[in-house]
């Protein structure tokens, strides 16, 4: 099994508590509303939203993948941290065993926040992940982040 970790850092003018509320805590409702072409719906299959909860993400029509199942590994509403693992679905492309993700929002000196994320890919056997695949995944995550940011900027009373 190969293990590859990729990190990303994005700054925003949105404070950590508000960004965490929208991007993590209410993402199952918000993302399908603002990006229906990417994510059609999110269903909770088991659990109460805390650690151990399993959710199925149903991607939009014409999207590269159909579904993935994510397991929430940890969530800390005070420290604005969230971790989850992609455990099943066609996004694993028969080459990955799982993808572990960690997200943390921290206050930035300018008054907004910095989102630090880390994704660890666990390949099946000695399969190597192509840089284009990682770049594509990062671009999609960044696009989702920027869509949530734009929604919050356009709706200053949301998630306060």
C-alpha atoms as a PDB file:
ATOM      1  CA  UNK A   1       0.000   0.000   0.000  1.00  0.00           C
ATOM      2  CA  UNK A   2       1.242   3.447  -0.910  1.00  0.00           C
ATOM      3  CA  UNK A   3       0.481   6.479   1.226  1.00  0.00           C
ATOM      4  CA  UNK A   4       0.494   9.993  -0.217  1.00  0.00           C
ATOM      5  CA  UNK A   5      -0.355  13.165   1.716  1.00  0.00           C
ATOM      6  CA  UNK A   6      -1.250  16.500   0.172  1.00  0.00           C
ATOM      7  CA  UNK A   7      -1.808  19.735   2.042  1.00  0.00           C
ATOM      8  CA  UNK A   8      -3.537  22.949   1.071  1.00  0.00           C
ATOM      9  CA  UNK A   9      -4.013  26.316   2.764  1.00  0.00           C
ATOM     10  CA  UNK A  10      -6.602  28.929   1.769  1.00  0.00           C
ATOM     11  CA  UNK A  11      -7.270  32.343   3.304  1.00  0.00           C
ATOM     12  CA  UNK A  12     -10.655  34.051   3.456  1.00  0.00           C
ATOM     13  CA  UNK A  13     -12.092  37.248   4.940  1.00  0.00           C
ATOM     14  CA  UNK A  14     -14.835  35.144   6.610  1.00  0.00           C
ATOM     15  CA  UNK A  15     -14.224  34.490  10.365  1.00  0.00           C
ATOM     16  CA  UNK A  16     -13.526  30.859  11.371  1.00  0.00           C
ATOM     17  CA  UNK A  17     -16.792  30.250  13.269  1.00  0.00           C
ATOM     18  CA  UNK A  18     -18.956  31.387  10.368  1.00  0.00           C
ATOM     19  CA  UNK A  19     -16.954  29.524   7.729  1.00  0.00           C
ATOM     20  CA  UNK A  20     -16.958  26.335   9.834  1.00  0.00           C
ATOM     21  CA  UNK A  21     -20.720  26.591  10.338  1.00  0.00           C
ATOM     22  CA  UNK A  22     -21.392  26.893   6.595  1.00  0.00           C
ATOM     23  CA  UNK A  23     -18.585  24.758   5.108  1.00  0.00           C
ATOM     24  CA  UNK A  24     -18.713  21.911   7.629  1.00  0.00           C
ATOM     25  CA  UNK A  25     -21.763  21.890   9.893  1.00  0.00           C
ATOM     26  CA  UNK A  26     -24.389  22.814   7.280  1.00  0.00           C
ATOM     27  CA  UNK A  27     -22.600  21.663   4.126  1.00  0.00           C
ATOM     28  CA  UNK A  28     -25.096  18.824   3.538  1.00  0.00           C
ATOM     29  CA  UNK A  29     -27.796  21.457   2.996  1.00  0.00           C
ATOM     30  CA  UNK A  30     -25.795  24.387   1.635  1.00  0.00           C
ATOM     31  CA  UNK A  31     -23.540  22.793  -0.994  1.00  0.00           C
ATOM     32  CA  UNK A  32     -26.370  21.135  -2.994  1.00  0.00           C
ATOM     33  CA  UNK A  33     -28.141  24.524  -3.061  1.00  0.00           C
ATOM     34  CA  UNK A  34     -25.185  26.578  -4.283  1.00  0.00           C
ATOM     35  CA  UNK A  35     -23.421  23.881  -6.383  1.00  0.00           C
ATOM     36  CA  UNK A  36     -26.183  21.495  -7.598  1.00  0.00           C
ATOM     37  CA  UNK A  37     -24.136  20.649 -10.692  1.00  0.00           C
ATOM     38  CA  UNK A  38     -21.432  19.210  -8.414  1.00  0.00           C
ATOM     39  CA  UNK A  39     -23.400  17.736  -5.497  1.00  0.00           C
ATOM     40  CA  UNK A  40     -27.035  16.749  -5.903  1.00  0.00           C
ATOM     41  CA  UNK A  41     -27.628  15.615  -2.323  1.00  0.00           C
ATOM     42  CA  UNK A  42     -26.090  14.224   0.857  1.00  0.00           C
ATOM     43  CA  UNK A  43     -27.826  11.462   2.833  1.00  0.00           C
ATOM     44  CA  UNK A  44     -27.007  10.356   6.372  1.00  0.00           C
ATOM     45  CA  UNK A  45     -26.928   6.540   6.286  1.00  0.00           C
ATOM     46  CA  UNK A  46     -26.095   5.987   9.947  1.00  0.00           C
ATOM     47  CA  UNK A  47     -25.206   8.033  12.986  1.00  0.00           C
ATOM     48  CA  UNK A  48     -26.186  11.369  14.507  1.00  0.00           C
ATOM     49  CA  UNK A  49     -23.725  13.692  12.748  1.00  0.00           C
ATOM     50  CA  UNK A  50     -20.854  13.050  15.155  1.00  0.00           C
ATOM     51  CA  UNK A  51     -17.891  10.705  14.915  1.00  0.00           C
ATOM     52  CA  UNK A  52     -18.838   7.407  13.283  1.00  0.00           C
ATOM     53  CA  UNK A  53     -21.611   8.921  11.151  1.00  0.00           C
ATOM     54  CA  UNK A  54     -21.671   7.612   7.576  1.00  0.00           C
ATOM     55  CA  UNK A  55     -22.977   9.830   4.778  1.00  0.00           C
ATOM     56  CA  UNK A  56     -23.478   9.238   1.082  1.00  0.00           C
ATOM     57  CA  UNK A  57     -22.695  12.100  -1.274  1.00  0.00           C
ATOM     58  CA  UNK A  58     -24.645  11.958  -4.539  1.00  0.00           C
ATOM     59  CA  UNK A  59     -22.923  13.935  -7.277  1.00  0.00           C
ATOM     60  CA  UNK A  60     -24.716  16.063  -9.870  1.00  0.00           C
ATOM     61  CA  UNK A  61     -25.705  14.993 -13.386  1.00  0.00           C
ATOM     62  CA  UNK A  62     -22.770  14.754 -15.753  1.00  0.00           C
ATOM     63  CA  UNK A  63     -20.281  14.818 -12.894  1.00  0.00           C
ATOM     64  CA  UNK A  64     -17.226  12.568 -13.125  1.00  0.00           C
ATOM     65  CA  UNK A  65     -18.436  10.336 -10.256  1.00  0.00           C
ATOM     66  CA  UNK A  66     -21.829   9.120  -9.033  1.00  0.00           C
ATOM     67  CA  UNK A  67     -21.439   8.603  -5.263  1.00  0.00           C
ATOM     68  CA  UNK A  68     -19.028   8.347  -2.343  1.00  0.00           C
ATOM     69  CA  UNK A  69     -19.532   7.332   1.256  1.00  0.00           C
ATOM     70  CA  UNK A  70     -17.793   9.349   3.945  1.00  0.00           C
ATOM     71  CA  UNK A  71     -17.309   8.433   7.590  1.00  0.00           C
ATOM     72  CA  UNK A  72     -16.930  11.286  10.059  1.00  0.00           C
ATOM     73  CA  UNK A  73     -13.862  10.588  12.195  1.00  0.00           C
ATOM     74  CA  UNK A  74     -13.955  13.682  14.385  1.00  0.00           C
ATOM     75  CA  UNK A  75     -15.571  17.062  14.731  1.00  0.00           C
ATOM     76  CA  UNK A  76     -14.707  19.814  17.215  1.00  0.00           C
ATOM     77  CA  UNK A  77     -17.029  22.814  17.077  1.00  0.00           C
ATOM     78  CA  UNK A  78     -14.890  24.847  19.493  1.00  0.00           C
ATOM     79  CA  UNK A  79     -11.571  24.287  17.722  1.00  0.00           C
ATOM     80  CA  UNK A  80     -13.153  24.351  14.222  1.00  0.00           C
ATOM     81  CA  UNK A  81     -11.670  21.012  13.184  1.00  0.00           C
ATOM     82  CA  UNK A  82     -13.267  18.273  11.115  1.00  0.00           C
ATOM     83  CA  UNK A  83     -11.922  14.957   9.902  1.00  0.00           C
ATOM     84  CA  UNK A  84     -13.562  12.385   7.670  1.00  0.00           C
ATOM     85  CA  UNK A  85     -12.604   9.413   5.524  1.00  0.00           C
ATOM     86  CA  UNK A  86     -13.852   8.521   2.059  1.00  0.00           C
ATOM     87  CA  UNK A  87     -14.561   4.822   2.618  1.00  0.00           C
ATOM     88  CA  UNK A  88     -16.456   3.758  -0.503  1.00  0.00           C
ATOM     89  CA  UNK A  89     -17.560   4.911  -3.947  1.00  0.00           C
ATOM     90  CA  UNK A  90     -16.467   5.343  -7.510  1.00  0.00           C
ATOM     91  CA  UNK A  91     -14.295   8.364  -6.606  1.00  0.00           C
ATOM     92  CA  UNK A  92     -11.836   5.829  -5.150  1.00  0.00           C
ATOM     93  CA  UNK A  93     -11.435   4.658  -8.781  1.00  0.00           C
ATOM     94  CA  UNK A  94     -10.514   1.067  -7.832  1.00  0.00           C
ATOM     95  CA  UNK A  95      -7.023   2.359  -7.053  1.00  0.00           C
ATOM     96  CA  UNK A  96      -7.569   3.748  -3.565  1.00  0.00           C
ATOM     97  CA  UNK A  97      -8.444   1.974  -0.348  1.00  0.00           C
ATOM     98  CA  UNK A  98      -9.505   5.232   1.324  1.00  0.00           C
ATOM     99  CA  UNK A  99      -8.842   8.963   1.556  1.00  0.00           C
ATOM    100  CA  UNK A 100      -8.484  10.555   5.016  1.00  0.00           C
ATOM    101  CA  UNK A 101      -9.206  14.286   5.170  1.00  0.00           C
ATOM    102  CA  UNK A 102      -8.621  16.852   7.911  1.00  0.00           C
ATOM    103  CA  UNK A 103      -9.836  20.443   7.864  1.00  0.00           C
ATOM    104  CA  UNK A 104      -9.042  23.173  10.364  1.00  0.00           C
ATOM    105  CA  UNK A 105     -10.114  26.810  10.405  1.00  0.00           C
ATOM    106  CA  UNK A 106      -7.901  29.275  12.277  1.00  0.00           C
ATOM    107  CA  UNK A 107      -8.295  33.009  12.816  1.00  0.00           C
ATOM    108  CA  UNK A 108      -6.036  35.060  10.589  1.00  0.00           C
ATOM    109  CA  UNK A 109      -4.332  38.279  11.734  1.00  0.00           C
ATOM    110  CA  UNK A 110      -6.433  40.222   9.199  1.00  0.00           C
ATOM    111  CA  UNK A 111      -9.691  39.184  10.889  1.00  0.00           C
ATOM    112  CA  UNK A 112     -10.748  36.428   8.525  1.00  0.00           C
ATOM    113  CA  UNK A 113      -9.600  32.834   8.647  1.00  0.00           C
ATOM    114  CA  UNK A 114      -7.173  30.374   7.195  1.00  0.00           C
ATOM    115  CA  UNK A 115      -8.409  26.946   6.184  1.00  0.00           C
ATOM    116  CA  UNK A 116      -5.737  24.285   6.426  1.00  0.00           C
ATOM    117  CA  UNK A 117      -6.566  20.936   4.888  1.00  0.00           C
ATOM    118  CA  UNK A 118      -4.715  17.687   4.553  1.00  0.00           C
ATOM    119  CA  UNK A 119      -5.678  14.660   2.456  1.00  0.00           C
ATOM    120  CA  UNK A 120      -3.949  11.307   2.814  1.00  0.00           C
ATOM    121  CA  UNK A 121      -4.498   8.839  -0.009  1.00  0.00           C
ATOM    122  CA  UNK A 122      -4.049   5.116   0.681  1.00  0.00           C
ATOM    123  CA  UNK A 123      -3.513   3.230  -2.559  1.00  0.00           C
ATOM    124  CA  UNK A 124      -4.256  -0.418  -3.227  1.00  0.00           C
ATOM    125  CA  UNK A 125      -0.979  -2.260  -3.745  1.00  0.00           C
ATOM    126  CA  UNK A 126       1.825  -0.273  -5.354  1.00  0.00           C
ATOM    127  CA  UNK A 127      -0.414   1.916  -7.494  1.00  0.00           C
ATOM    128  CA  UNK A 128       0.828   5.491  -7.814  1.00  0.00           C
ATOM    129  CA  UNK A 129      -1.484   8.469  -7.948  1.00  0.00           C
ATOM    130  CA  UNK A 130      -1.008  10.790 -10.901  1.00  0.00           C
ATOM    131  CA  UNK A 131      -0.352  14.446 -10.151  1.00  0.00           C
ATOM    132  CA  UNK A 132      -3.224  15.413 -12.484  1.00  0.00           C
ATOM    133  CA  UNK A 133      -5.680  13.447 -10.318  1.00  0.00           C
ATOM    134  CA  UNK A 134      -4.479  15.198  -7.160  1.00  0.00           C
ATOM    135  CA  UNK A 135      -4.536  18.604  -8.864  1.00  0.00           C
ATOM    136  CA  UNK A 136      -8.089  17.962 -10.069  1.00  0.00           C
ATOM    137  CA  UNK A 137      -9.223  16.990  -6.568  1.00  0.00           C
ATOM    138  CA  UNK A 138      -7.586  20.092  -5.056  1.00  0.00           C
ATOM    139  CA  UNK A 139      -9.228  22.342  -7.665  1.00  0.00           C
ATOM    140  CA  UNK A 140     -12.663  20.870  -6.912  1.00  0.00           C
ATOM    141  CA  UNK A 141     -12.184  21.336  -3.166  1.00  0.00           C
ATOM    142  CA  UNK A 142     -10.995  24.903  -3.704  1.00  0.00           C
ATOM    143  CA  UNK A 143     -13.976  25.593  -5.983  1.00  0.00           C
ATOM    144  CA  UNK A 144     -16.365  24.358  -3.295  1.00  0.00           C
ATOM    145  CA  UNK A 145     -14.615  26.490  -0.666  1.00  0.00           C
ATOM    146  CA  UNK A 146     -14.778  29.584  -2.898  1.00  0.00           C
ATOM    147  CA  UNK A 147     -18.489  28.956  -3.633  1.00  0.00           C
ATOM    148  CA  UNK A 148     -19.263  28.849   0.099  1.00  0.00           C
ATOM    149  CA  UNK A 149     -17.165  31.975   0.647  1.00  0.00           C
ATOM    150  CA  UNK A 150     -19.021  33.806  -2.159  1.00  0.00           C
ATOM    151  CA  UNK A 151     -22.373  32.737  -0.686  1.00  0.00           C
ATOM    152  CA  UNK A 152     -21.396  34.081   2.733  1.00  0.00           C
ATOM    153  CA  UNK A 153     -20.144  37.351   1.288  1.00  0.00           C
ATOM    154  CA  UNK A 154     -23.408  37.778  -0.668  1.00  0.00           C
ATOM    155  CA  UNK A 155     -25.483  36.871   2.428  1.00  0.00           C
ATOM    156  CA  UNK A 156     -23.859  38.690   5.363  1.00  0.00           C
ATOM    157  CA  UNK A 157     -26.590  37.610   7.807  1.00  0.00           C
ATOM    158  CA  UNK A 158     -26.240  33.898   7.037  1.00  0.00           C
ATOM    159  CA  UNK A 159     -24.548  31.649   9.631  1.00  0.00           C
ATOM    160  CA  UNK A 160     -24.009  34.296  12.277  1.00  0.00           C
END
